[in-house]
């Protein structure tokens, strides 16, 4: 059975595919358990906002309430996502 992995097709048996996916899931679980909550949330927020962008939004929260609301909602999403990942065992 061919499976598309990292931009190329790899010929693997269903058992090999399952073992690989299981190993990847275990590595991801170990990652989320090893990283501190605050650091993980910060990393998720950085996927969309740089530190300077965050400061700009916070400085202008009264002038641009819609932009601040979107930023705040995203931060809450990041926190919920990290809590979910860290609670998976």
Protein backbone atom coordinates (compact mmCIF):
# COMPACT_ATOMS: atom_id res chain seq x y z
CA UNK A 1 0.00 0.00 0.00
CA UNK A 2 1.38 3.40 -0.91
CA UNK A 3 0.97 6.27 1.51
CA UNK A 4 1.78 9.92 0.80
CA UNK A 5 4.26 11.08 3.49
CA UNK A 6 6.22 14.34 3.50
CA UNK A 7 5.74 15.00 -0.19
CA UNK A 8 6.42 11.50 -1.47
CA UNK A 9 4.72 8.15 -1.79
CA UNK A 10 6.10 5.40 0.42
CA UNK A 11 5.33 1.73 -0.07
CA UNK A 12 4.28 0.39 3.35
CA UNK A 13 2.09 -2.40 4.67
CA UNK A 14 -0.98 -1.44 6.71
CA UNK A 15 0.83 -2.74 9.82
CA UNK A 16 3.85 -0.54 9.11
CA UNK A 17 1.59 2.47 8.58
CA UNK A 18 -0.21 1.80 11.89
CA UNK A 19 3.10 1.39 13.73
CA UNK A 20 4.45 4.62 12.26
CA UNK A 21 1.29 6.56 13.14
CA UNK A 22 1.34 5.12 16.66
CA UNK A 23 4.97 6.14 17.11
CA UNK A 24 4.20 9.65 15.86
CA UNK A 25 1.24 9.96 18.24
CA UNK A 26 3.42 8.82 21.15
CA UNK A 27 6.13 11.34 20.25
CA UNK A 28 3.53 14.10 20.10
CA UNK A 29 2.11 13.03 23.47
CA UNK A 30 5.60 13.09 25.04
CA UNK A 31 6.22 16.55 23.56
CA UNK A 32 3.04 18.02 25.06
CA UNK A 33 3.78 16.43 28.43
CA UNK A 34 7.35 17.77 28.49
CA UNK A 35 6.72 21.41 27.62
CA UNK A 36 5.49 23.79 30.36
CA UNK A 37 1.94 25.10 29.89
CA UNK A 38 2.95 28.79 29.60
CA UNK A 39 5.64 28.00 27.05
CA UNK A 40 3.24 25.92 24.98
CA UNK A 41 0.58 28.65 24.99
CA UNK A 42 3.18 31.23 23.98
CA UNK A 43 4.36 29.02 21.11
CA UNK A 44 0.79 28.62 19.86
CA UNK A 45 0.14 32.37 20.04
CA UNK A 46 3.39 33.03 18.11
CA UNK A 47 2.01 31.01 15.22
CA UNK A 48 -0.21 34.00 14.45
CA UNK A 49 1.15 37.00 16.39
CA UNK A 50 4.70 38.17 16.98
CA UNK A 51 5.56 39.83 20.29
CA UNK A 52 5.59 43.26 18.67
CA UNK A 53 2.19 42.62 17.08
CA UNK A 54 0.83 41.61 20.48
CA UNK A 55 2.13 44.79 22.10
CA UNK A 56 0.61 46.89 19.31
CA UNK A 57 -2.78 45.24 19.76
CA UNK A 58 -2.65 45.67 23.51
CA UNK A 59 -1.66 49.36 23.20
CA UNK A 60 -4.54 50.01 20.82
CA UNK A 61 -7.21 47.88 22.48
CA UNK A 62 -9.48 50.89 23.05
CA UNK A 63 -8.95 52.32 19.54
CA UNK A 64 -9.37 48.98 17.73
CA UNK A 65 -11.74 46.86 19.83
CA UNK A 66 -12.54 44.43 16.99
CA UNK A 67 -8.86 43.64 16.45
CA UNK A 68 -8.37 43.20 20.20
CA UNK A 69 -11.43 40.92 20.42
CA UNK A 70 -10.05 38.71 17.63
CA UNK A 71 -6.65 38.57 19.36
CA UNK A 72 -8.24 37.75 22.72
CA UNK A 73 -10.41 35.01 21.22
CA UNK A 74 -7.36 33.49 19.52
CA UNK A 75 -5.41 33.50 22.79
CA UNK A 76 -8.31 31.73 24.52
CA UNK A 77 -8.36 29.16 21.69
CA UNK A 78 -4.63 28.58 22.16
CA UNK A 79 -5.06 28.07 25.90
CA UNK A 80 -7.90 25.60 25.39
CA UNK A 81 -5.91 23.73 22.72
CA UNK A 82 -2.85 23.40 24.97
CA UNK A 83 -4.95 22.24 27.93
CA UNK A 84 -6.55 19.60 25.70
CA UNK A 85 -3.17 18.42 24.41
CA UNK A 86 -1.65 18.27 27.87
CA UNK A 87 -4.60 16.32 29.30
CA UNK A 88 -4.36 13.57 26.69
CA UNK A 89 -2.76 10.42 28.03
